[in-house]
Amino acid sequence: MEAGCNAIILTACQVRMARSAQRWSVDELAERSGVSEKTIRRIEAVYGVPPNVTVETLLKLQGCFESHGMTFIPEDGSAEGPGVRFGRYPGRQLRTGE
């Protein structure tokens, strides 16, 4: 499967952060994404880019999270590193122009 233009290679930390922000269990993420619980647990158990995980699997997870308001911040070599932004979380109040 070819990665889309908005695709980045997710890190294990980004998967953990996104799942936590959504307040999803591993079981719930597995059901929503179509990725097995065992694979999700294996991904979340490491740091960095998960070894032995296909790009297709990471794209399934990325697509699932993005469809629920998550934005992934790619690794850019800065001190901050890769991250996650949750733009449409419940209760968020946006400032309106004055």
C-alpha atoms as a PDB file:
ATOM      1  CA  MET A   1       0.000   0.000   0.000  1.00  0.00           C
ATOM      2  CA  GLU A   2       1.340   3.402  -0.933  1.00  0.00           C
ATOM      3  CA  ALA A   3       1.357   6.097   1.726  1.00  0.00           C
ATOM      4  CA  GLY A   4      -0.764   9.180   1.035  1.00  0.00           C
ATOM      5  CA  CYS A   5       0.675  12.678   0.878  1.00  0.00           C
ATOM      6  CA  ASN A   6      -0.488  13.387   4.457  1.00  0.00           C
ATOM      7  CA  ALA A   7       0.848  10.113   5.819  1.00  0.00           C
ATOM      8  CA  ILE A   8       3.729  10.058   8.256  1.00  0.00           C
ATOM      9  CA  ILE A   9       5.336   7.066   9.873  1.00  0.00           C
ATOM     10  CA  LEU A  10       3.730   6.907  13.308  1.00  0.00           C
ATOM     11  CA  THR A  11       5.865   6.240  16.337  1.00  0.00           C
ATOM     12  CA  ALA A  12       4.756   3.996  19.165  1.00  0.00           C
ATOM     13  CA  CYS A  13       4.566   7.025  21.447  1.00  0.00           C
ATOM     14  CA  GLN A  14       2.175   8.790  19.067  1.00  0.00           C
ATOM     15  CA  VAL A  15      -0.101   5.737  19.050  1.00  0.00           C
ATOM     16  CA  ARG A  16      -0.086   5.633  22.869  1.00  0.00           C
ATOM     17  CA  MET A  17      -0.739   9.406  23.132  1.00  0.00           C
ATOM     18  CA  ALA A  18      -3.561   9.381  20.573  1.00  0.00           C
ATOM     19  CA  ARG A  19      -5.286   6.396  22.163  1.00  0.00           C
ATOM     20  CA  SER A  20      -5.008   8.011  25.588  1.00  0.00           C
ATOM     21  CA  ALA A  21      -6.412  11.327  24.325  1.00  0.00           C
ATOM     22  CA  GLN A  22      -9.401   9.500  22.877  1.00  0.00           C
ATOM     23  CA  ARG A  23      -9.819   7.530  26.127  1.00  0.00           C
ATOM     24  CA  TRP A  24      -9.989   4.296  24.138  1.00  0.00           C
ATOM     25  CA  SER A  25      -9.002   0.894  25.426  1.00  0.00           C
ATOM     26  CA  VAL A  26      -6.773  -1.287  23.261  1.00  0.00           C
ATOM     27  CA  ASP A  27      -9.879  -3.362  22.498  1.00  0.00           C
ATOM     28  CA  GLU A  28     -11.798  -0.292  21.337  1.00  0.00           C
ATOM     29  CA  LEU A  29      -8.947   0.914  19.113  1.00  0.00           C
ATOM     30  CA  ALA A  30      -8.680  -2.559  17.599  1.00  0.00           C
ATOM     31  CA  GLU A  31     -12.384  -2.592  16.789  1.00  0.00           C
ATOM     32  CA  ARG A  32     -12.376   0.924  15.333  1.00  0.00           C
ATOM     33  CA  SER A  33      -9.181   0.545  13.274  1.00  0.00           C
ATOM     34  CA  GLY A  34      -9.284  -3.066  12.141  1.00  0.00           C
ATOM     35  CA  VAL A  35      -5.839  -3.698  13.666  1.00  0.00           C
ATOM     36  CA  SER A  36      -5.586  -6.629  16.073  1.00  0.00           C
ATOM     37  CA  GLU A  37      -5.253  -6.060  19.817  1.00  0.00           C
ATOM     38  CA  LYS A  38      -2.047  -8.096  19.814  1.00  0.00           C
ATOM     39  CA  THR A  39      -0.496  -5.848  17.160  1.00  0.00           C
ATOM     40  CA  ILE A  40      -1.537  -2.665  18.991  1.00  0.00           C
ATOM     41  CA  ARG A  41      -0.021  -3.967  22.231  1.00  0.00           C
ATOM     42  CA  ARG A  42       3.179  -4.877  20.368  1.00  0.00           C
ATOM     43  CA  ILE A  43       3.347  -1.384  18.824  1.00  0.00           C
ATOM     44  CA  GLU A  44       2.754   0.371  22.136  1.00  0.00           C
ATOM     45  CA  ALA A  45       5.397  -1.692  23.949  1.00  0.00           C
ATOM     46  CA  VAL A  46       8.333  -0.022  22.171  1.00  0.00           C
ATOM     47  CA  TYR A  47       9.784   3.443  21.626  1.00  0.00           C
ATOM     48  CA  GLY A  48      10.299   4.960  18.198  1.00  0.00           C
ATOM     49  CA  VAL A  49       9.059   3.418  14.978  1.00  0.00           C
ATOM     50  CA  PRO A  50       7.631  -0.021  15.742  1.00  0.00           C
ATOM     51  CA  PRO A  51       9.660  -2.846  14.174  1.00  0.00           C
ATOM     52  CA  ASN A  52       7.987  -5.563  12.114  1.00  0.00           C
ATOM     53  CA  VAL A  53       4.808  -3.540  11.583  1.00  0.00           C
ATOM     54  CA  THR A  54       3.619  -2.869   8.051  1.00  0.00           C
ATOM     55  CA  VAL A  55       3.034   0.598   6.662  1.00  0.00           C
ATOM     56  CA  GLU A  56      -0.533  -0.544   5.939  1.00  0.00           C
ATOM     57  CA  THR A  57      -1.092  -1.218   9.663  1.00  0.00           C
ATOM     58  CA  LEU A  58       0.261   2.193  10.664  1.00  0.00           C
ATOM     59  CA  LEU A  59      -1.899   3.864   8.005  1.00  0.00           C
ATOM     60  CA  LYS A  60      -4.998   2.110   9.389  1.00  0.00           C
ATOM     61  CA  LEU A  61      -4.231   3.475  12.848  1.00  0.00           C
ATOM     62  CA  GLN A  62      -3.446   6.941  11.519  1.00  0.00           C
ATOM     63  CA  GLY A  63      -6.659   7.048   9.487  1.00  0.00           C
ATOM     64  CA  CYS A  64      -8.725   5.914  12.453  1.00  0.00           C
ATOM     65  CA  PHE A  65      -7.290   8.567  14.756  1.00  0.00           C
ATOM     66  CA  GLU A  66      -7.466  11.338  12.156  1.00  0.00           C
ATOM     67  CA  SER A  67     -11.125  10.571  11.478  1.00  0.00           C
ATOM     68  CA  HIS A  68     -11.713  11.326  15.175  1.00  0.00           C
ATOM     69  CA  GLY A  69      -9.945  14.704  15.230  1.00  0.00           C
ATOM     70  CA  MET A  70      -6.307  13.780  15.837  1.00  0.00           C
ATOM     71  CA  THR A  71      -3.440  15.436  13.950  1.00  0.00           C
ATOM     72  CA  PHE A  72       0.007  13.867  13.971  1.00  0.00           C
ATOM     73  CA  ILE A  73       3.080  16.073  14.171  1.00  0.00           C
ATOM     74  CA  PRO A  74       5.965  14.441  12.304  1.00  0.00           C
ATOM     75  CA  GLU A  75       9.532  14.052  13.515  1.00  0.00           C
ATOM     76  CA  ASP A  76      11.473  17.079  12.323  1.00  0.00           C
ATOM     77  CA  GLY A  77      14.748  16.690  14.194  1.00  0.00           C
ATOM     78  CA  SER A  78      13.851  19.347  16.763  1.00  0.00           C
ATOM     79  CA  ALA A  79      14.062  18.892  20.512  1.00  0.00           C
ATOM     80  CA  GLU A  80      10.276  18.537  20.734  1.00  0.00           C
ATOM     81  CA  GLY A  81      10.131  15.439  18.522  1.00  0.00           C
ATOM     82  CA  PRO A  82       6.988  13.906  17.036  1.00  0.00           C
ATOM     83  CA  GLY A  83       3.647  14.506  18.668  1.00  0.00           C
ATOM     84  CA  VAL A  84      -0.132  14.531  18.539  1.00  0.00           C
ATOM     85  CA  ARG A  85      -2.682  17.335  18.501  1.00  0.00           C
ATOM     86  CA  PHE A  86      -6.341  16.768  19.376  1.00  0.00           C
ATOM     87  CA  GLY A  87      -8.298  19.510  17.633  1.00  0.00           C
ATOM     88  CA  ARG A  88     -11.903  18.394  18.048  1.00  0.00           C
ATOM     89  CA  TYR A  89     -12.081  17.140  21.581  1.00  0.00           C
ATOM     90  CA  PRO A  90     -15.366  17.438  23.487  1.00  0.00           C
ATOM     91  CA  GLY A  91     -15.713  20.673  25.398  1.00  0.00           C
ATOM     92  CA  ARG A  92     -13.177  22.622  23.373  1.00  0.00           C
ATOM     93  CA  GLN A  93     -14.080  26.281  23.112  1.00  0.00           C
ATOM     94  CA  LEU A  94     -12.689  28.228  20.188  1.00  0.00           C
ATOM     95  CA  ARG A  95     -11.972  31.927  20.412  1.00  0.00           C
ATOM     96  CA  THR A  96     -13.995  34.018  18.038  1.00  0.00           C
ATOM     97  CA  GLY A  97     -12.613  37.114  16.318  1.00  0.00           C
ATOM     98  CA  GLU A  98     -13.306  40.371  18.114  1.00  0.00           C
END
